[in-house]
PDB file of all heavy atoms in Angstrom:
ATOM      1  N   LEU A   1     139.325  11.968 -39.964  1.00  0.00           N
ATOM      2  CA  LEU A   1     138.246  12.313 -39.020  1.00  0.00           C
ATOM      3  C   LEU A   1     137.337  13.414 -39.551  1.00  0.00           C
ATOM      4  O   LEU A   1     136.459  13.895 -38.828  1.00  0.00           O
ATOM      5  CB  LEU A   1     138.849  12.751 -37.678  1.00  0.00           C
ATOM      6  CG  LEU A   1     139.553  11.678 -36.856  1.00  0.00           C
ATOM      7  CD1 LEU A   1     140.256  12.305 -35.657  1.00  0.00           C
ATOM      8  CD2 LEU A   1     138.562  10.620 -36.379  1.00  0.00           C
ATOM      9  N   LEU A   2     137.521  13.793 -40.800  1.00  0.00           N
ATOM     10  CA  LEU A   2     136.839  14.957 -41.354  1.00  0.00           C
ATOM     11  C   LEU A   2     135.324  14.882 -41.220  1.00  0.00           C
ATOM     12  O   LEU A   2     134.659  15.885 -40.922  1.00  0.00           O
ATOM     13  CB  LEU A   2     137.220  15.118 -42.832  1.00  0.00           C
ATOM     14  CG  LEU A   2     137.158  16.530 -43.411  1.00  0.00           C
ATOM     15  CD1 LEU A   2     138.019  17.488 -42.597  1.00  0.00           C
ATOM     16  CD2 LEU A   2     137.615  16.505 -44.875  1.00  0.00           C
ATOM     17  N   SER A   3     134.773  13.693 -41.396  1.00  0.00           N
ATOM     18  CA  SER A   3     133.316  13.544 -41.354  1.00  0.00           C
ATOM     19  C   SER A   3     132.747  13.784 -39.951  1.00  0.00           C
ATOM     20  O   SER A   3     131.539  13.959 -39.789  1.00  0.00           O
ATOM     21  CB  SER A   3     132.906  12.152 -41.843  1.00  0.00           C
ATOM     22  OG  SER A   3     133.439  11.146 -41.002  1.00  0.00           O
ATOM     23  N   HIS A   4     133.616  13.792 -38.951  1.00  0.00           N
ATOM     24  CA  HIS A   4     133.170  13.977 -37.562  1.00  0.00           C
ATOM     25  C   HIS A   4     133.340  15.420 -37.067  1.00  0.00           C
ATOM     26  O   HIS A   4     133.047  15.710 -35.909  1.00  0.00           O
ATOM     27  CB  HIS A   4     133.964  13.055 -36.635  1.00  0.00           C
ATOM     28  CG  HIS A   4     133.815  11.604 -36.954  1.00  0.00           C
ATOM     29  ND1 HIS A   4     132.662  10.898 -36.700  1.00  0.00           N
ATOM     30  CD2 HIS A   4     134.683  10.723 -37.524  1.00  0.00           C
ATOM     31  CE1 HIS A   4     132.816   9.637 -37.081  1.00  0.00           C
ATOM     32  NE2 HIS A   4     134.026   9.506 -37.588  1.00  0.00           N
ATOM     33  N   ALA A   5     133.790  16.308 -37.928  1.00  0.00           N
ATOM     34  CA  ALA A   5     134.212  17.642 -37.480  1.00  0.00           C
ATOM     35  C   ALA A   5     133.110  18.439 -36.804  1.00  0.00           C
ATOM     36  O   ALA A   5     133.391  19.274 -35.937  1.00  0.00           O
ATOM     37  CB  ALA A   5     134.776  18.438 -38.660  1.00  0.00           C
ATOM     38  N   TYR A   6     131.852  18.198 -37.184  1.00  0.00           N
ATOM     39  CA  TYR A   6     130.771  19.001 -36.620  1.00  0.00           C
ATOM     40  C   TYR A   6     129.922  18.251 -35.612  1.00  0.00           C
ATOM     41  O   TYR A   6     128.825  18.681 -35.255  1.00  0.00           O
ATOM     42  CB  TYR A   6     129.939  19.628 -37.745  1.00  0.00           C
ATOM     43  CG  TYR A   6     130.787  20.635 -38.489  1.00  0.00           C
ATOM     44  CD1 TYR A   6     131.320  20.328 -39.741  1.00  0.00           C
ATOM     45  CD2 TYR A   6     131.133  21.850 -37.912  1.00  0.00           C
ATOM     46  CE1 TYR A   6     132.150  21.233 -40.397  1.00  0.00           C
ATOM     47  CE2 TYR A   6     131.958  22.747 -38.545  1.00  0.00           C
ATOM     48  CZ  TYR A   6     132.466  22.444 -39.801  1.00  0.00           C
ATOM     49  OH  TYR A   6     133.293  23.337 -40.430  1.00  0.00           O
ATOM     50  N   GLU A   7     130.449  17.133 -35.131  1.00  0.00           N
ATOM     51  CA  GLU A   7     129.824  16.477 -33.991  1.00  0.00           C
ATOM     52  C   GLU A   7     130.221  17.221 -32.724  1.00  0.00           C
ATOM     53  O   GLU A   7     131.315  17.777 -32.634  1.00  0.00           O
ATOM     54  CB  GLU A   7     130.281  15.018 -33.917  1.00  0.00           C
ATOM     55  CG  GLU A   7     129.829  14.174 -35.094  1.00  0.00           C
ATOM     56  CD  GLU A   7     130.389  12.754 -35.037  1.00  0.00           C
ATOM     57  OE1 GLU A   7     130.826  12.335 -33.946  1.00  0.00           O
ATOM     58  OE2 GLU A   7     130.389  12.081 -36.082  1.00  0.00           O
ATOM     59  N   ASP A   8     129.330  17.220 -31.755  1.00  0.00           N
ATOM     60  CA  ASP A   8     129.619  17.921 -30.496  1.00  0.00           C
ATOM     61  C   ASP A   8     130.420  16.998 -29.578  1.00  0.00           C
ATOM     62  O   ASP A   8     129.959  16.586 -28.511  1.00  0.00           O
ATOM     63  CB  ASP A   8     128.316  18.374 -29.831  1.00  0.00           C
ATOM     64  CG  ASP A   8     128.568  19.350 -28.685  1.00  0.00           C
ATOM     65  OD1 ASP A   8     129.616  20.021 -28.686  1.00  0.00           O
ATOM     66  OD2 ASP A   8     127.713  19.433 -27.791  1.00  0.00           O
ATOM     67  N   LYS A   9     131.631  16.688 -30.027  1.00  0.00           N
ATOM     68  CA  LYS A   9     132.509  15.777 -29.305  1.00  0.00           C
ATOM     69  C   LYS A   9     133.950  16.264 -29.408  1.00  0.00           C
ATOM     70  O   LYS A   9     134.307  16.993 -30.335  1.00  0.00           O
ATOM     71  CB  LYS A   9     132.436  14.358 -29.900  1.00  0.00           C
ATOM     72  CG  LYS A   9     131.077  13.691 -29.809  1.00  0.00           C
ATOM     73  CD  LYS A   9     131.111  12.320 -30.474  1.00  0.00           C
ATOM     74  CE  LYS A   9     129.757  11.640 -30.438  1.00  0.00           C
ATOM     75  NZ  LYS A   9     129.780  10.323 -31.138  1.00  0.00           N
ATOM     76  N   ALA A  10     134.772  15.829 -28.451  1.00  0.00           N
ATOM     77  CA  ALA A  10     136.216  16.064 -28.534  1.00  0.00           C
ATOM     78  C   ALA A  10     136.843  14.967 -29.381  1.00  0.00           C
ATOM     79  O   ALA A  10     136.350  13.834 -29.419  1.00  0.00           O
ATOM     80  CB  ALA A  10     136.827  16.064 -27.134  1.00  0.00           C
ATOM     81  N   PHE A  11     137.938  15.302 -30.073  1.00  0.00           N
ATOM     82  CA  PHE A  11     138.638  14.315 -30.893  1.00  0.00           C
ATOM     83  C   PHE A  11     140.144  14.474 -30.724  1.00  0.00           C
ATOM     84  O   PHE A  11     140.643  15.574 -30.462  1.00  0.00           O
ATOM     85  CB  PHE A  11     138.257  14.473 -32.372  1.00  0.00           C
ATOM     86  CG  PHE A  11     136.903  13.931 -32.699  1.00  0.00           C
ATOM     87  CD1 PHE A  11     135.803  14.772 -32.711  1.00  0.00           C
ATOM     88  CD2 PHE A  11     136.718  12.589 -32.970  1.00  0.00           C
ATOM     89  CE1 PHE A  11     134.533  14.285 -32.997  1.00  0.00           C
ATOM     90  CE2 PHE A  11     135.456  12.079 -33.258  1.00  0.00           C
ATOM     91  CZ  PHE A  11     134.366  12.929 -33.266  1.00  0.00           C
ATOM     92  N   PRO A  12     140.905  13.379 -30.879  1.00  0.00           N
ATOM     93  CA  PRO A  12     142.359  13.445 -30.739  1.00  0.00           C
ATOM     94  C   PRO A  12     143.018  14.246 -31.855  1.00  0.00           C
ATOM     95  O   PRO A  12     142.555  14.209 -33.006  1.00  0.00           O
ATOM     96  CB  PRO A  12     142.792  11.971 -30.790  1.00  0.00           C
ATOM     97  CG  PRO A  12     141.686  11.270 -31.503  1.00  0.00           C
ATOM     98  CD  PRO A  12     140.436  12.002 -31.147  1.00  0.00           C
ATOM     99  N   ILE A  13     144.074  14.968 -31.497  1.00  0.00           N
ATOM    100  CA  ILE A  13     144.846  15.725 -32.490  1.00  0.00           C
ATOM    101  C   ILE A  13     146.309  15.314 -32.472  1.00  0.00           C
ATOM    102  O   ILE A  13     147.154  15.966 -33.082  1.00  0.00           O
ATOM    103  CB  ILE A  13     144.731  17.251 -32.259  1.00  0.00           C
ATOM    104  CG1 ILE A  13     145.200  17.621 -30.840  1.00  0.00           C
ATOM    105  CG2 ILE A  13     143.310  17.734 -32.507  1.00  0.00           C
ATOM    106  CD1 ILE A  13     145.321  19.114 -30.607  1.00  0.00           C
ATOM    107  N   GLY A  14     146.616  14.210 -31.767  1.00  0.00           N
ATOM    108  CA  GLY A  14     148.000  13.766 -31.644  1.00  0.00           C
ATOM    109  C   GLY A  14     148.655  14.313 -30.399  1.00  0.00           C
ATOM    110  O   GLY A  14     148.137  15.211 -29.729  1.00  0.00           O
ATOM    111  N   GLU A  15     149.818  13.733 -30.059  1.00  0.00           N
ATOM    112  CA  GLU A  15     150.599  14.175 -28.899  1.00  0.00           C
ATOM    113  C   GLU A  15     149.816  14.035 -27.594  1.00  0.00           C
ATOM    114  O   GLU A  15     150.076  14.752 -26.619  1.00  0.00           O
ATOM    115  CB  GLU A  15     151.070  15.631 -29.069  1.00  0.00           C
ATOM    116  CG  GLU A  15     151.915  15.876 -30.304  1.00  0.00           C
ATOM    117  CD  GLU A  15     153.220  15.090 -30.279  1.00  0.00           C
ATOM    118  OE1 GLU A  15     153.925  15.137 -29.259  1.00  0.00           O
ATOM    119  OE2 GLU A  15     153.531  14.418 -31.300  1.00  0.00           O
ATOM    120  N   GLY A  16     148.830  13.118 -27.575  1.00  0.00           N
ATOM    121  CA  GLY A  16     148.040  12.912 -26.369  1.00  0.00           C
ATOM    122  C   GLY A  16     147.064  14.029 -26.061  1.00  0.00           C
ATOM    123  O   GLY A  16     146.525  14.098 -24.948  1.00  0.00           O
ATOM    124  N   GLN A  17     146.808  14.912 -27.037  1.00  0.00           N
ATOM    125  CA  GLN A  17     145.938  16.059 -26.831  1.00  0.00           C
ATOM    126  C   GLN A  17     144.670  15.914 -27.670  1.00  0.00           C
ATOM    127  O   GLN A  17     144.574  15.050 -28.543  1.00  0.00           O
ATOM    128  CB  GLN A  17     146.669  17.355 -27.213  1.00  0.00           C
ATOM    129  CG  GLN A  17     147.990  17.558 -26.494  1.00  0.00           C
ATOM    130  CD  GLN A  17     147.826  17.673 -24.994  1.00  0.00           C
ATOM    131  OE1 GLN A  17     147.126  18.559 -24.507  1.00  0.00           O
ATOM    132  NE2 GLN A  17     148.479  16.799 -24.244  1.00  0.00           N
ATOM    133  N   THR A  18     143.699  16.784 -27.400  1.00  0.00           N
ATOM    134  CA  THR A  18     142.429  16.733 -28.122  1.00  0.00           C
ATOM    135  C   THR A  18     142.012  18.125 -28.582  1.00  0.00           C
ATOM    136  O   THR A  18     142.467  19.135 -28.037  1.00  0.00           O
ATOM    137  CB  THR A  18     141.294  16.177 -27.244  1.00  0.00           C
ATOM    138  OG1 THR A  18     141.124  17.041 -26.106  1.00  0.00           O
ATOM    139  CG2 THR A  18     141.593  14.759 -26.780  1.00  0.00           C
ATOM    140  N   ILE A  19     141.141  18.168 -29.602  1.00  0.00           N
ATOM    141  CA  ILE A  19     140.406  19.388 -29.914  1.00  0.00           C
ATOM    142  C   ILE A  19     139.134  19.296 -29.087  1.00  0.00           C
ATOM    143  O   ILE A  19     138.419  18.285 -29.121  1.00  0.00           O
ATOM    144  CB  ILE A  19     140.106  19.525 -31.431  1.00  0.00           C
ATOM    145  CG1 ILE A  19     139.320  20.827 -31.700  1.00  0.00           C
ATOM    146  CG2 ILE A  19     139.410  18.307 -32.003  1.00  0.00           C
ATOM    147  CD1 ILE A  19     139.165  21.150 -33.188  1.00  0.00           C
ATOM    148  N   SER A  20     138.872  20.308 -28.299  1.00  0.00           N
ATOM    149  CA  SER A  20     137.782  20.250 -27.321  1.00  0.00           C
ATOM    150  C   SER A  20     136.421  20.135 -27.988  1.00  0.00           C
ATOM    151  O   SER A  20     136.216  20.540 -29.140  1.00  0.00           O
ATOM    152  CB  SER A  20     137.798  21.493 -26.431  1.00  0.00           C
ATOM    153  OG  SER A  20     138.910  21.495 -25.581  1.00  0.00           O
ATOM    154  N   GLN A  21     135.481  19.578 -27.242  1.00  0.00           N
ATOM    155  CA  GLN A  21     134.084  19.528 -27.650  1.00  0.00           C
ATOM    156  C   GLN A  21     133.593  20.953 -27.914  1.00  0.00           C
ATOM    157  O   GLN A  21     133.865  21.863 -27.122  1.00  0.00           O
ATOM    158  CB  GLN A  21     133.271  18.880 -26.536  1.00  0.00           C
ATOM    159  CG  GLN A  21     131.781  18.807 -26.780  1.00  0.00           C
ATOM    160  CD  GLN A  21     131.049  18.262 -25.563  1.00  0.00           C
ATOM    161  OE1 GLN A  21     131.664  17.922 -24.551  1.00  0.00           O
ATOM    162  NE2 GLN A  21     129.734  18.192 -25.644  1.00  0.00           N
ATOM    163  N   PRO A  22     132.867  21.195 -29.010  1.00  0.00           N
ATOM    164  CA  PRO A  22     132.381  22.551 -29.290  1.00  0.00           C
ATOM    165  C   PRO A  22     131.618  23.182 -28.131  1.00  0.00           C
ATOM    166  O   PRO A  22     131.807  24.374 -27.847  1.00  0.00           O
ATOM    167  CB  PRO A  22     131.487  22.345 -30.519  1.00  0.00           C
ATOM    168  CG  PRO A  22     132.108  21.193 -31.228  1.00  0.00           C
ATOM    169  CD  PRO A  22     132.588  20.281 -30.125  1.00  0.00           C
ATOM    170  N   TYR A  23     130.775  22.409 -27.456  1.00  0.00           N
ATOM    171  CA  TYR A  23     130.046  22.974 -26.322  1.00  0.00           C
ATOM    172  C   TYR A  23     130.995  23.479 -25.240  1.00  0.00           C
ATOM    173  O   TYR A  23     130.774  24.547 -24.651  1.00  0.00           O
ATOM    174  CB  TYR A  23     129.083  21.941 -25.722  1.00  0.00           C
ATOM    175  CG  TYR A  23     128.458  22.420 -24.428  1.00  0.00           C
ATOM    176  CD1 TYR A  23     127.496  23.429 -24.437  1.00  0.00           C
ATOM    177  CD2 TYR A  23     128.866  21.896 -23.198  1.00  0.00           C
ATOM    178  CE1 TYR A  23     126.938  23.896 -23.248  1.00  0.00           C
ATOM    179  CE2 TYR A  23     128.306  22.358 -22.015  1.00  0.00           C
ATOM    180  CZ  TYR A  23     127.350  23.352 -22.043  1.00  0.00           C
ATOM    181  OH  TYR A  23     126.809  23.821 -20.871  1.00  0.00           O
ATOM    182  N   THR A  24     132.065  22.724 -24.989  1.00  0.00           N
ATOM    183  CA  THR A  24     133.040  23.133 -23.975  1.00  0.00           C
ATOM    184  C   THR A  24     133.701  24.447 -24.372  1.00  0.00           C
ATOM    185  O   THR A  24     133.871  25.356 -23.543  1.00  0.00           O
ATOM    186  CB  THR A  24     134.103  22.042 -23.780  1.00  0.00           C
ATOM    187  OG1 THR A  24     133.463  20.818 -23.431  1.00  0.00           O
ATOM    188  CG2 THR A  24     135.098  22.423 -22.702  1.00  0.00           C
ATOM    189  N   VAL A  25     134.092  24.552 -25.643  1.00  0.00           N
ATOM    190  CA  VAL A  25     134.697  25.790 -26.153  1.00  0.00           C
ATOM    191  C   VAL A  25     133.722  26.959 -25.982  1.00  0.00           C
ATOM    192  O   VAL A  25     134.093  28.031 -25.500  1.00  0.00           O
ATOM    193  CB  VAL A  25     135.095  25.627 -27.633  1.00  0.00           C
ATOM    194  CG1 VAL A  25     135.598  26.960 -28.211  1.00  0.00           C
ATOM    195  CG2 VAL A  25     136.163  24.553 -27.790  1.00  0.00           C
ATOM    196  N   ALA A  26     132.470  26.734 -26.372  1.00  0.00           N
ATOM    197  CA  ALA A  26     131.465  27.792 -26.274  1.00  0.00           C
ATOM    198  C   ALA A  26     131.196  28.178 -24.821  1.00  0.00           C
ATOM    199  O   ALA A  26     131.060  29.366 -24.496  1.00  0.00           O
ATOM    200  CB  ALA A  26     130.169  27.341 -26.950  1.00  0.00           C
ATOM    201  N   PHE A  27     131.123  27.190 -23.943  1.00  0.00           N
ATOM    202  CA  PHE A  27     130.832  27.436 -22.536  1.00  0.00           C
ATOM    203  C   PHE A  27     131.940  28.271 -21.891  1.00  0.00           C
ATOM    204  O   PHE A  27     131.668  29.274 -21.211  1.00  0.00           O
ATOM    205  CB  PHE A  27     130.663  26.112 -21.801  1.00  0.00           C
ATOM    206  CG  PHE A  27     130.177  26.257 -20.384  1.00  0.00           C
ATOM    207  CD1 PHE A  27     128.831  26.435 -20.113  1.00  0.00           C
ATOM    208  CD2 PHE A  27     131.068  26.213 -19.316  1.00  0.00           C
ATOM    209  CE1 PHE A  27     128.381  26.577 -18.803  1.00  0.00           C
ATOM    210  CE2 PHE A  27     130.635  26.350 -18.008  1.00  0.00           C
ATOM    211  CZ  PHE A  27     129.277  26.532 -17.755  1.00  0.00           C
ATOM    212  N   GLN A  28     133.194  27.864 -22.104  1.00  0.00           N
ATOM    213  CA  GLN A  28     134.304  28.632 -21.538  1.00  0.00           C
ATOM    214  C   GLN A  28     134.336  30.046 -22.105  1.00  0.00           C
ATOM    215  O   GLN A  28     134.575  31.011 -21.377  1.00  0.00           O
ATOM    216  CB  GLN A  28     135.639  27.929 -21.826  1.00  0.00           C
ATOM    217  CG  GLN A  28     135.931  26.744 -20.925  1.00  0.00           C
ATOM    218  CD  GLN A  28     137.400  26.356 -20.966  1.00  0.00           C
ATOM    219  OE1 GLN A  28     137.859  25.784 -21.946  1.00  0.00           O
ATOM    220  NE2 GLN A  28     138.128  26.655 -19.916  1.00  0.00           N
ATOM    221  N   THR A  29     134.091  30.153 -23.406  1.00  0.00           N
ATOM    222  CA  THR A  29     134.135  31.463 -24.052  1.00  0.00           C
ATOM    223  C   THR A  29     133.035  32.368 -23.512  1.00  0.00           C
ATOM    224  O   THR A  29     133.257  33.564 -23.282  1.00  0.00           O
ATOM    225  CB  THR A  29     133.996  31.305 -25.575  1.00  0.00           C
ATOM    226  OG1 THR A  29     135.021  30.416 -26.052  1.00  0.00           O
ATOM    227  CG2 THR A  29     134.152  32.641 -26.275  1.00  0.00           C
ATOM    228  N   GLU A  30     131.872  31.808 -23.276  1.00  0.00           N
ATOM    229  CA  GLU A  30     130.766  32.603 -22.740  1.00  0.00           C
ATOM    230  C   GLU A  30     131.087  33.113 -21.335  1.00  0.00           C
ATOM    231  O   GLU A  30     130.782  34.260 -20.989  1.00  0.00           O
ATOM    232  CB  GLU A  30     129.479  31.781 -22.738  1.00  0.00           C
ATOM    233  CG  GLU A  30     128.224  32.630 -22.657  1.00  0.00           C
ATOM    234  CD  GLU A  30     126.972  31.875 -23.086  1.00  0.00           C
ATOM    235  OE1 GLU A  30     126.623  30.865 -22.436  1.00  0.00           O
ATOM    236  OE2 GLU A  30     126.334  32.305 -24.059  1.00  0.00           O
ATOM    237  N   LEU A  31     131.738  32.272 -20.528  1.00  0.00           N
ATOM    238  CA  LEU A  31     132.130  32.705 -19.175  1.00  0.00           C
ATOM    239  C   LEU A  31     133.138  33.851 -19.218  1.00  0.00           C
ATOM    240  O   LEU A  31     133.143  34.715 -18.338  1.00  0.00           O
ATOM    241  CB  LEU A  31     132.726  31.526 -18.399  1.00  0.00           C
ATOM    242  CG  LEU A  31     131.775  30.397 -17.977  1.00  0.00           C
ATOM    243  CD1 LEU A  31     132.542  29.341 -17.183  1.00  0.00           C
ATOM    244  CD2 LEU A  31     130.600  30.919 -17.163  1.00  0.00           C
ATOM    245  N   LEU A  32     133.977  33.867 -20.249  1.00  0.00           N
ATOM    246  CA  LEU A  32     134.993  34.925 -20.358  1.00  0.00           C
ATOM    247  C   LEU A  32     134.392  36.295 -20.648  1.00  0.00           C
ATOM    248  O   LEU A  32     134.981  37.322 -20.306  1.00  0.00           O
ATOM    249  CB  LEU A  32     135.986  34.586 -21.480  1.00  0.00           C
ATOM    250  CG  LEU A  32     137.111  33.606 -21.176  1.00  0.00           C
ATOM    251  CD1 LEU A  32     137.937  33.373 -22.431  1.00  0.00           C
ATOM    252  CD2 LEU A  32     138.003  34.091 -20.046  1.00  0.00           C
ATOM    253  N   ASN A  33     133.225  36.312 -21.331  1.00  0.00           N
ATOM    254  CA  ASN A  33     132.565  37.574 -21.669  1.00  0.00           C
ATOM    255  C   ASN A  33     133.518  38.504 -22.436  1.00  0.00           C
ATOM    256  O   ASN A  33     133.825  39.618 -22.001  1.00  0.00           O
ATOM    257  CB  ASN A  33     132.038  38.257 -20.401  1.00  0.00           C
ATOM    258  CG  ASN A  33     131.129  39.432 -20.713  1.00  0.00           C
ATOM    259  OD1 ASN A  33     130.497  39.471 -21.763  1.00  0.00           O
ATOM    260  ND2 ASN A  33     131.065  40.392 -19.806  1.00  0.00           N
ATOM    261  N   ILE A  34     133.961  38.025 -23.590  1.00  0.00           N
ATOM    262  CA  ILE A  34     134.946  38.747 -24.397  1.00  0.00           C
ATOM    263  C   ILE A  34     134.366  40.004 -25.034  1.00  0.00           C
ATOM    264  O   ILE A  34     133.254  39.995 -25.571  1.00  0.00           O
ATOM    265  CB  ILE A  34     135.490  37.832 -25.522  1.00  0.00           C
ATOM    266  CG1 ILE A  34     136.245  36.635 -24.931  1.00  0.00           C
ATOM    267  CG2 ILE A  34     136.379  38.614 -26.477  1.00  0.00           C
ATOM    268  CD1 ILE A  34     137.527  36.992 -24.233  1.00  0.00           C
ATOM    269  N   HIS A  35     135.144  41.081 -24.982  1.00  0.00           N
ATOM    270  CA  HIS A  35     134.834  42.306 -25.715  1.00  0.00           C
ATOM    271  C   HIS A  35     135.955  42.566 -26.720  1.00  0.00           C
ATOM    272  O   HIS A  35     137.120  42.284 -26.424  1.00  0.00           O
ATOM    273  CB  HIS A  35     134.707  43.493 -24.761  1.00  0.00           C
ATOM    274  CG  HIS A  35     133.557  43.380 -23.813  1.00  0.00           C
ATOM    275  ND1 HIS A  35     133.693  42.838 -22.549  1.00  0.00           N
ATOM    276  CD2 HIS A  35     132.250  43.708 -23.945  1.00  0.00           C
ATOM    277  CE1 HIS A  35     132.522  42.852 -21.934  1.00  0.00           C
ATOM    278  NE2 HIS A  35     131.631  43.363 -22.758  1.00  0.00           N
ATOM    279  N   PRO A  36     135.625  43.078 -27.904  1.00  0.00           N
ATOM    280  CA  PRO A  36     136.658  43.333 -28.915  1.00  0.00           C
ATOM    281  C   PRO A  36     137.787  44.194 -28.362  1.00  0.00           C
ATOM    282  O   PRO A  36     137.555  45.163 -27.639  1.00  0.00           O
ATOM    283  CB  PRO A  36     135.884  44.068 -30.024  1.00  0.00           C
ATOM    284  CG  PRO A  36     134.470  43.584 -29.880  1.00  0.00           C
ATOM    285  CD  PRO A  36     134.268  43.408 -28.405  1.00  0.00           C
ATOM    286  N   GLY A  37     139.004  43.800 -28.710  1.00  0.00           N
ATOM    287  CA  GLY A  37     140.184  44.550 -28.281  1.00  0.00           C
ATOM    288  C   GLY A  37     140.785  44.100 -26.969  1.00  0.00           C
ATOM    289  O   GLY A  37     141.889  44.532 -26.610  1.00  0.00           O
ATOM    290  N   GLU A  38     140.094  43.228 -26.238  1.00  0.00           N
ATOM    291  CA  GLU A  38     140.641  42.777 -24.963  1.00  0.00           C
ATOM    292  C   GLU A  38     141.852  41.873 -25.174  1.00  0.00           C
ATOM    293  O   GLU A  38     141.923  41.100 -26.135  1.00  0.00           O
ATOM    294  CB  GLU A  38     139.574  42.031 -24.154  1.00  0.00           C
ATOM    295  CG  GLU A  38     138.530  42.950 -23.560  1.00  0.00           C
ATOM    296  CD  GLU A  38     137.567  42.228 -22.640  1.00  0.00           C
ATOM    297  OE1 GLU A  38     137.226  41.068 -22.906  1.00  0.00           O
ATOM    298  OE2 GLU A  38     137.150  42.850 -21.637  1.00  0.00           O
ATOM    299  N   LYS A  39     142.791  41.984 -24.247  1.00  0.00           N
ATOM    300  CA  LYS A  39     144.010  41.176 -24.286  1.00  0.00           C
ATOM    301  C   LYS A  39     143.757  39.887 -23.519  1.00  0.00           C
ATOM    302  O   LYS A  39     143.496  39.909 -22.313  1.00  0.00           O
ATOM    303  CB  LYS A  39     145.163  41.964 -23.655  1.00  0.00           C
ATOM    304  CG  LYS A  39     146.534  41.329 -23.808  1.00  0.00           C
ATOM    305  CD  LYS A  39     147.600  42.263 -23.228  1.00  0.00           C
ATOM    306  CE  LYS A  39     148.995  41.702 -23.425  1.00  0.00           C
ATOM    307  NZ  LYS A  39     150.014  42.617 -22.846  1.00  0.00           N
ATOM    308  N   VAL A  40     143.806  38.771 -24.244  1.00  0.00           N
ATOM    309  CA  VAL A  40     143.434  37.483 -23.668  1.00  0.00           C
ATOM    310  C   VAL A  40     144.601  36.516 -23.723  1.00  0.00           C
ATOM    311  O   VAL A  40     145.256  36.370 -24.761  1.00  0.00           O
ATOM    312  CB  VAL A  40     142.228  36.874 -24.422  1.00  0.00           C
ATOM    313  CG1 VAL A  40     141.847  35.530 -23.827  1.00  0.00           C
ATOM    314  CG2 VAL A  40     141.037  37.821 -24.391  1.00  0.00           C
ATOM    315  N   LEU A  41     144.859  35.854 -22.606  1.00  0.00           N
ATOM    316  CA  LEU A  41     145.881  34.800 -22.548  1.00  0.00           C
ATOM    317  C   LEU A  41     145.185  33.452 -22.562  1.00  0.00           C
ATOM    318  O   LEU A  41     144.313  33.181 -21.739  1.00  0.00           O
ATOM    319  CB  LEU A  41     146.718  34.942 -21.276  1.00  0.00           C
ATOM    320  CG  LEU A  41     147.711  33.799 -20.988  1.00  0.00           C
ATOM    321  CD1 LEU A  41     148.747  33.665 -22.107  1.00  0.00           C
ATOM    322  CD2 LEU A  41     148.407  34.024 -19.645  1.00  0.00           C
ATOM    323  N   GLU A  42     145.581  32.607 -23.516  1.00  0.00           N
ATOM    324  CA  GLU A  42     145.080  31.236 -23.568  1.00  0.00           C
ATOM    325  C   GLU A  42     146.190  30.286 -23.144  1.00  0.00           C
ATOM    326  O   GLU A  42     147.292  30.332 -23.695  1.00  0.00           O
ATOM    327  CB  GLU A  42     144.620  30.878 -24.984  1.00  0.00           C
ATOM    328  CG  GLU A  42     144.117  29.442 -25.072  1.00  0.00           C
ATOM    329  CD  GLU A  42     143.963  28.943 -26.502  1.00  0.00           C
ATOM    330  OE1 GLU A  42     144.746  29.367 -27.381  1.00  0.00           O
ATOM    331  OE2 GLU A  42     143.076  28.112 -26.738  1.00  0.00           O
ATOM    332  N   ILE A  43     145.897  29.436 -22.184  1.00  0.00           N
ATOM    333  CA  ILE A  43     146.853  28.424 -21.732  1.00  0.00           C
ATOM    334  C   ILE A  43     146.491  27.098 -22.404  1.00  0.00           C
ATOM    335  O   ILE A  43     145.471  26.492 -22.090  1.00  0.00           O
ATOM    336  CB  ILE A  43     146.808  28.255 -20.193  1.00  0.00           C
ATOM    337  CG1 ILE A  43     146.936  29.603 -19.474  1.00  0.00           C
ATOM    338  CG2 ILE A  43     147.896  27.280 -19.748  1.00  0.00           C
ATOM    339  CD1 ILE A  43     148.191  30.355 -19.757  1.00  0.00           C
TER     340      ILE A  43
END
């Protein structure tokens, strides 16, 4: 799937899971408003 890595799409990574669409990652991250040093839990 290497040639698709920079498409703005989600792709399967096995085990029924996906690597999220880049926009989704960016959108969630922007909502978090991260500052350096903050303790963050990712589920």
